[in-house]
Amino acid sequence: MTTVRGAVQGADLEGACLRGADLEVADLEGANLQGADLEGACLRGADLRHANLEGANLRDADLEGADLRGANLRGANLEGADLWGADLEDADLEGANLEGANLEGAILET
């Protein structure tokens, strides 16, 4: 299991396999995670502001309380993801799969 602690702001992780990774409270602001495989990853409380998650696989990921303000989630797979209390203000969710995702308490304003 991959564990990331601390800041990796602006990191280029395009297409990375981070399946099941522990990224709890990681600072991924502005990171490029386009097409990354984050299935089942723990991103609880992570800072993903303005991150590029276009086409990323976030199936069953734990995004509870994550900050996704301004993130690009176009075409991302969020099926079964836990977005409880996540901040999705100004996030681009066009074409994202949210089937079975928990959006309770999530902030979805634009």
N, C-alpha and C. Protein backbone atom coordinates (compact mmCIF):
# COMPACT_ATOMS: atom_id res chain seq x y z
N MET A 1 0.83 -1.18 0.00
CA MET A 1 0.00 0.00 0.00
C MET A 1 0.87 1.24 0.00
N THR A 2 0.55 2.19 -0.87
CA THR A 2 1.27 3.45 -0.95
C THR A 2 0.73 4.43 0.08
N THR A 3 1.59 5.06 0.86
CA THR A 3 1.19 6.08 1.82
C THR A 3 1.92 7.37 1.48
N VAL A 4 1.16 8.47 1.40
CA VAL A 4 1.76 9.76 1.12
C VAL A 4 1.39 10.71 2.25
N ARG A 5 2.37 11.32 2.86
CA ARG A 5 2.15 12.32 3.89
C ARG A 5 2.89 13.59 3.46
N GLY A 6 2.28 14.74 3.78
CA GLY A 6 2.93 16.00 3.44
C GLY A 6 2.47 16.53 2.10
N ALA A 7 3.19 17.49 1.61
CA ALA A 7 2.80 18.21 0.41
C ALA A 7 3.43 17.64 -0.85
N VAL A 8 2.60 17.45 -1.85
CA VAL A 8 3.07 17.09 -3.19
C VAL A 8 2.33 17.99 -4.19
N GLN A 9 2.19 19.26 -3.80
CA GLN A 9 1.50 20.23 -4.62
C GLN A 9 2.05 20.24 -6.03
N GLY A 10 1.11 20.28 -6.99
CA GLY A 10 1.49 20.41 -8.38
C GLY A 10 2.19 19.18 -8.96
N ALA A 11 2.18 18.08 -8.25
CA ALA A 11 2.86 16.86 -8.72
C ALA A 11 2.22 16.36 -10.01
N ASP A 12 3.03 15.77 -10.88
CA ASP A 12 2.51 15.18 -12.12
C ASP A 12 2.42 13.68 -11.92
N LEU A 13 1.19 13.22 -11.64
CA LEU A 13 0.93 11.81 -11.40
C LEU A 13 -0.02 11.26 -12.46
N GLU A 14 0.05 11.82 -13.66
CA GLU A 14 -0.83 11.40 -14.74
C GLU A 14 -0.70 9.90 -14.99
N GLY A 15 -1.86 9.21 -14.97
CA GLY A 15 -1.90 7.78 -15.25
C GLY A 15 -1.30 6.90 -14.16
N ALA A 16 -0.96 7.47 -13.02
CA ALA A 16 -0.33 6.69 -11.94
C ALA A 16 -1.30 5.65 -11.37
N CYS A 17 -0.76 4.52 -10.95
CA CYS A 17 -1.55 3.49 -10.29
C CYS A 17 -1.40 3.71 -8.79
N LEU A 18 -2.44 4.27 -8.17
CA LEU A 18 -2.45 4.54 -6.74
C LEU A 18 -3.63 3.81 -6.10
N ARG A 19 -3.96 2.68 -6.66
CA ARG A 19 -5.09 1.87 -6.20
C ARG A 19 -4.87 1.48 -4.74
N GLY A 20 -5.86 1.84 -3.88
CA GLY A 20 -5.80 1.51 -2.47
C GLY A 20 -4.79 2.32 -1.67
N ALA A 21 -4.23 3.37 -2.25
CA ALA A 21 -3.20 4.17 -1.58
C ALA A 21 -3.78 4.95 -0.40
N ASP A 22 -2.96 5.18 0.62
CA ASP A 22 -3.34 6.00 1.77
C ASP A 22 -2.84 7.42 1.52
N LEU A 23 -3.75 8.27 1.09
CA LEU A 23 -3.43 9.67 0.80
C LEU A 23 -4.20 10.59 1.73
N GLU A 24 -4.54 10.08 2.91
CA GLU A 24 -5.32 10.86 3.87
C GLU A 24 -4.58 12.15 4.20
N VAL A 25 -5.31 13.25 4.15
CA VAL A 25 -4.85 14.63 4.39
C VAL A 25 -3.63 15.04 3.54
N ALA A 26 -3.39 14.36 2.44
CA ALA A 26 -2.28 14.74 1.55
C ALA A 26 -2.57 16.08 0.88
N ASP A 27 -1.56 16.87 0.65
CA ASP A 27 -1.68 18.15 -0.02
C ASP A 27 -1.37 17.94 -1.50
N LEU A 28 -2.43 17.77 -2.29
CA LEU A 28 -2.31 17.52 -3.73
C LEU A 28 -2.87 18.69 -4.53
N GLU A 29 -2.82 19.87 -3.95
CA GLU A 29 -3.35 21.05 -4.63
C GLU A 29 -2.68 21.22 -6.00
N GLY A 30 -3.49 21.32 -7.04
CA GLY A 30 -3.00 21.56 -8.39
C GLY A 30 -2.30 20.37 -9.02
N ALA A 31 -2.36 19.21 -8.39
CA ALA A 31 -1.68 18.02 -8.93
C ALA A 31 -2.37 17.53 -10.21
N ASN A 32 -1.60 16.94 -11.09
CA ASN A 32 -2.14 16.34 -12.31
C ASN A 32 -2.30 14.84 -12.06
N LEU A 33 -3.56 14.42 -11.88
CA LEU A 33 -3.89 13.02 -11.65
C LEU A 33 -4.78 12.52 -12.79
N GLN A 34 -4.64 13.13 -13.95
CA GLN A 34 -5.46 12.75 -15.11
C GLN A 34 -5.26 11.27 -15.40
N GLY A 35 -6.39 10.54 -15.47
CA GLY A 35 -6.35 9.12 -15.81
C GLY A 35 -5.74 8.23 -14.75
N ALA A 36 -5.48 8.76 -13.56
CA ALA A 36 -4.87 7.97 -12.49
C ALA A 36 -5.87 6.93 -11.96
N ASP A 37 -5.36 5.80 -11.49
CA ASP A 37 -6.18 4.77 -10.90
C ASP A 37 -6.10 4.91 -9.39
N LEU A 38 -7.17 5.47 -8.80
CA LEU A 38 -7.24 5.69 -7.35
C LEU A 38 -8.36 4.86 -6.74
N GLU A 39 -8.68 3.74 -7.38
CA GLU A 39 -9.77 2.91 -6.88
C GLU A 39 -9.48 2.46 -5.46
N GLY A 40 -10.46 2.71 -4.56
CA GLY A 40 -10.34 2.30 -3.17
C GLY A 40 -9.33 3.09 -2.36
N ALA A 41 -8.80 4.17 -2.91
CA ALA A 41 -7.80 4.98 -2.20
C ALA A 41 -8.45 5.77 -1.07
N CYS A 42 -7.69 6.05 -0.04
CA CYS A 42 -8.15 6.89 1.07
C CYS A 42 -7.62 8.30 0.83
N LEU A 43 -8.54 9.19 0.48
CA LEU A 43 -8.21 10.60 0.25
C LEU A 43 -8.97 11.47 1.25
N ARG A 44 -9.27 10.89 2.39
CA ARG A 44 -10.04 11.58 3.43
C ARG A 44 -9.31 12.85 3.87
N GLY A 45 -10.00 14.00 3.75
CA GLY A 45 -9.42 15.27 4.17
C GLY A 45 -8.31 15.79 3.28
N ALA A 46 -8.10 15.17 2.12
CA ALA A 46 -7.02 15.60 1.22
C ALA A 46 -7.33 16.95 0.58
N ASP A 47 -6.31 17.71 0.29
CA ASP A 47 -6.43 18.99 -0.41
C ASP A 47 -6.21 18.73 -1.89
N LEU A 48 -7.32 18.72 -2.64
CA LEU A 48 -7.27 18.47 -4.09
C LEU A 48 -7.77 19.69 -4.85
N ARG A 49 -7.62 20.87 -4.25
CA ARG A 49 -8.06 22.09 -4.93
C ARG A 49 -7.35 22.24 -6.28
N HIS A 50 -8.16 22.49 -7.30
CA HIS A 50 -7.66 22.73 -8.66
C HIS A 50 -6.84 21.56 -9.22
N ALA A 51 -7.02 20.39 -8.66
CA ALA A 51 -6.33 19.19 -9.19
C ALA A 51 -7.01 18.74 -10.47
N ASN A 52 -6.24 18.15 -11.37
CA ASN A 52 -6.78 17.60 -12.61
C ASN A 52 -6.99 16.11 -12.41
N LEU A 53 -8.26 15.72 -12.24
CA LEU A 53 -8.64 14.32 -12.05
C LEU A 53 -9.47 13.84 -13.23
N GLU A 54 -9.29 14.48 -14.38
CA GLU A 54 -10.07 14.12 -15.57
C GLU A 54 -9.83 12.65 -15.92
N GLY A 55 -10.95 11.90 -16.02
CA GLY A 55 -10.86 10.50 -16.40
C GLY A 55 -10.26 9.59 -15.35
N ALA A 56 -10.05 10.09 -14.15
CA ALA A 56 -9.46 9.28 -13.08
C ALA A 56 -10.47 8.24 -12.57
N ASN A 57 -9.96 7.12 -12.11
CA ASN A 57 -10.79 6.08 -11.52
C ASN A 57 -10.76 6.24 -10.00
N LEU A 58 -11.87 6.76 -9.46
CA LEU A 58 -12.00 6.96 -8.01
C LEU A 58 -13.09 6.06 -7.44
N ARG A 59 -13.32 4.94 -8.10
CA ARG A 59 -14.35 4.01 -7.67
C ARG A 59 -14.05 3.55 -6.23
N ASP A 60 -15.09 3.67 -5.38
CA ASP A 60 -15.01 3.25 -3.97
C ASP A 60 -13.93 3.99 -3.18
N ALA A 61 -13.49 5.14 -3.65
CA ALA A 61 -12.49 5.93 -2.92
C ALA A 61 -13.15 6.65 -1.74
N ASP A 62 -12.38 6.87 -0.68
CA ASP A 62 -12.85 7.60 0.49
C ASP A 62 -12.38 9.04 0.37
N LEU A 63 -13.32 9.91 0.01
CA LEU A 63 -13.03 11.34 -0.16
C LEU A 63 -13.76 12.16 0.90
N GLU A 64 -14.04 11.54 2.03
CA GLU A 64 -14.76 12.24 3.09
C GLU A 64 -14.01 13.49 3.52
N GLY A 65 -14.70 14.63 3.45
CA GLY A 65 -14.12 15.90 3.87
C GLY A 65 -13.02 16.43 2.97
N ALA A 66 -12.83 15.84 1.80
CA ALA A 66 -11.78 16.30 0.87
C ALA A 66 -12.14 17.67 0.30
N ASP A 67 -11.14 18.47 0.01
CA ASP A 67 -11.33 19.79 -0.59
C ASP A 67 -11.06 19.66 -2.09
N LEU A 68 -12.16 19.65 -2.86
CA LEU A 68 -12.08 19.49 -4.32
C LEU A 68 -12.52 20.76 -5.03
N ARG A 69 -12.41 21.89 -4.37
CA ARG A 69 -12.83 23.16 -4.99
C ARG A 69 -12.04 23.41 -6.27
N GLY A 70 -12.78 23.65 -7.35
CA GLY A 70 -12.16 23.96 -8.63
C GLY A 70 -11.47 22.79 -9.30
N ALA A 71 -11.67 21.58 -8.79
CA ALA A 71 -11.03 20.40 -9.39
C ALA A 71 -11.69 20.01 -10.71
N ASN A 72 -10.92 19.44 -11.60
CA ASN A 72 -11.42 18.94 -12.88
C ASN A 72 -11.69 17.45 -12.71
N LEU A 73 -12.99 17.09 -12.64
CA LEU A 73 -13.41 15.70 -12.48
C LEU A 73 -14.18 15.23 -13.71
N ARG A 74 -13.94 15.88 -14.85
CA ARG A 74 -14.65 15.51 -16.09
C ARG A 74 -14.38 14.04 -16.42
N GLY A 75 -15.47 13.30 -16.59
CA GLY A 75 -15.35 11.90 -16.98
C GLY A 75 -14.76 10.99 -15.93
N ALA A 76 -14.61 11.47 -14.71
CA ALA A 76 -14.04 10.63 -13.64
C ALA A 76 -15.06 9.59 -13.18
N ASN A 77 -14.56 8.44 -12.76
CA ASN A 77 -15.42 7.40 -12.22
C ASN A 77 -15.43 7.52 -10.71
N LEU A 78 -16.56 8.01 -10.16
CA LEU A 78 -16.73 8.17 -8.72
C LEU A 78 -17.78 7.19 -8.20
N GLU A 79 -17.98 6.12 -8.92
CA GLU A 79 -18.99 5.13 -8.54
C GLU A 79 -18.67 4.57 -7.16
N GLY A 80 -19.65 4.69 -6.25
CA GLY A 80 -19.49 4.16 -4.89
C GLY A 80 -18.54 4.95 -4.01
N ALA A 81 -18.06 6.10 -4.48
CA ALA A 81 -17.12 6.91 -3.69
C ALA A 81 -17.84 7.56 -2.51
N ASP A 82 -17.13 7.76 -1.42
CA ASP A 82 -17.67 8.43 -0.25
C ASP A 82 -17.21 9.89 -0.29
N LEU A 83 -18.15 10.78 -0.63
CA LEU A 83 -17.86 12.21 -0.71
C LEU A 83 -18.56 12.96 0.42
N TRP A 84 -18.81 12.27 1.53
CA TRP A 84 -19.49 12.88 2.66
C TRP A 84 -18.72 14.12 3.12
N GLY A 85 -19.40 15.27 3.09
CA GLY A 85 -18.80 16.51 3.56
C GLY A 85 -17.71 17.08 2.67
N ALA A 86 -17.52 16.52 1.49
CA ALA A 86 -16.49 17.03 0.57
C ALA A 86 -16.92 18.38 -0.01
N ASP A 87 -15.96 19.24 -0.28
CA ASP A 87 -16.24 20.55 -0.88
C ASP A 87 -15.96 20.46 -2.37
N LEU A 88 -17.05 20.46 -3.16
CA LEU A 88 -16.96 20.36 -4.62
C LEU A 88 -17.33 21.67 -5.30
N GLU A 89 -17.23 22.77 -4.57
CA GLU A 89 -17.57 24.07 -5.12
C GLU A 89 -16.71 24.37 -6.35
N ASP A 90 -17.39 24.72 -7.44
CA ASP A 90 -16.75 25.06 -8.72
C ASP A 90 -15.99 23.89 -9.35
N ALA A 91 -16.22 22.66 -8.87
CA ALA A 91 -15.60 21.48 -9.50
C ALA A 91 -16.34 21.17 -10.79
N ASP A 92 -15.62 20.70 -11.80
CA ASP A 92 -16.21 20.32 -13.08
C ASP A 92 -16.51 18.83 -13.04
N LEU A 93 -17.81 18.50 -12.96
CA LEU A 93 -18.25 17.11 -12.85
C LEU A 93 -18.89 16.62 -14.14
N GLU A 94 -18.67 17.34 -15.25
CA GLU A 94 -19.29 16.95 -16.51
C GLU A 94 -18.87 15.53 -16.90
N GLY A 95 -19.88 14.69 -17.11
CA GLY A 95 -19.62 13.32 -17.54
C GLY A 95 -19.10 12.39 -16.46
N ALA A 96 -19.02 12.88 -15.23
CA ALA A 96 -18.53 12.03 -14.13
C ALA A 96 -19.59 11.00 -13.76
N ASN A 97 -19.16 9.80 -13.40
CA ASN A 97 -20.06 8.74 -12.95
C ASN A 97 -20.16 8.82 -11.43
N LEU A 98 -21.35 9.24 -10.94
CA LEU A 98 -21.57 9.37 -9.51
C LEU A 98 -22.54 8.31 -8.99
N GLU A 99 -22.73 7.24 -9.76
CA GLU A 99 -23.66 6.19 -9.37
C GLU A 99 -23.25 5.58 -8.03
N GLY A 100 -24.18 5.61 -7.08
CA GLY A 100 -23.93 5.02 -5.76
C GLY A 100 -22.99 5.81 -4.89
N ALA A 101 -22.58 7.01 -5.33
CA ALA A 101 -21.67 7.82 -4.50
C ALA A 101 -22.45 8.45 -3.34
N ASN A 102 -21.80 8.58 -2.20
CA ASN A 102 -22.39 9.23 -1.03
C ASN A 102 -22.06 10.71 -1.10
N LEU A 103 -23.08 11.54 -1.34
CA LEU A 103 -22.89 12.98 -1.44
C LEU A 103 -23.51 13.70 -0.24
N GLU A 104 -23.83 12.95 0.81
CA GLU A 104 -24.43 13.55 1.99
C GLU A 104 -23.50 14.62 2.59
N GLY A 105 -24.04 15.80 2.78
CA GLY A 105 -23.27 16.88 3.36
C GLY A 105 -22.24 17.51 2.44
N ALA A 106 -22.17 17.05 1.19
CA ALA A 106 -21.20 17.61 0.24
C ALA A 106 -21.64 19.00 -0.19
N ILE A 107 -20.69 19.86 -0.46
CA ILE A 107 -20.95 21.22 -0.93
C ILE A 107 -20.82 21.18 -2.46
N LEU A 108 -21.95 21.46 -3.14
CA LEU A 108 -21.97 21.34 -4.61
C LEU A 108 -22.26 22.67 -5.29
N GLU A 109 -22.11 23.78 -4.61
CA GLU A 109 -22.39 25.10 -5.17
C GLU A 109 -21.36 25.48 -6.23
N THR A 110 -21.81 26.32 -7.18
CA THR A 110 -20.87 26.84 -8.18
C THR A 110 -20.88 28.34 -8.16
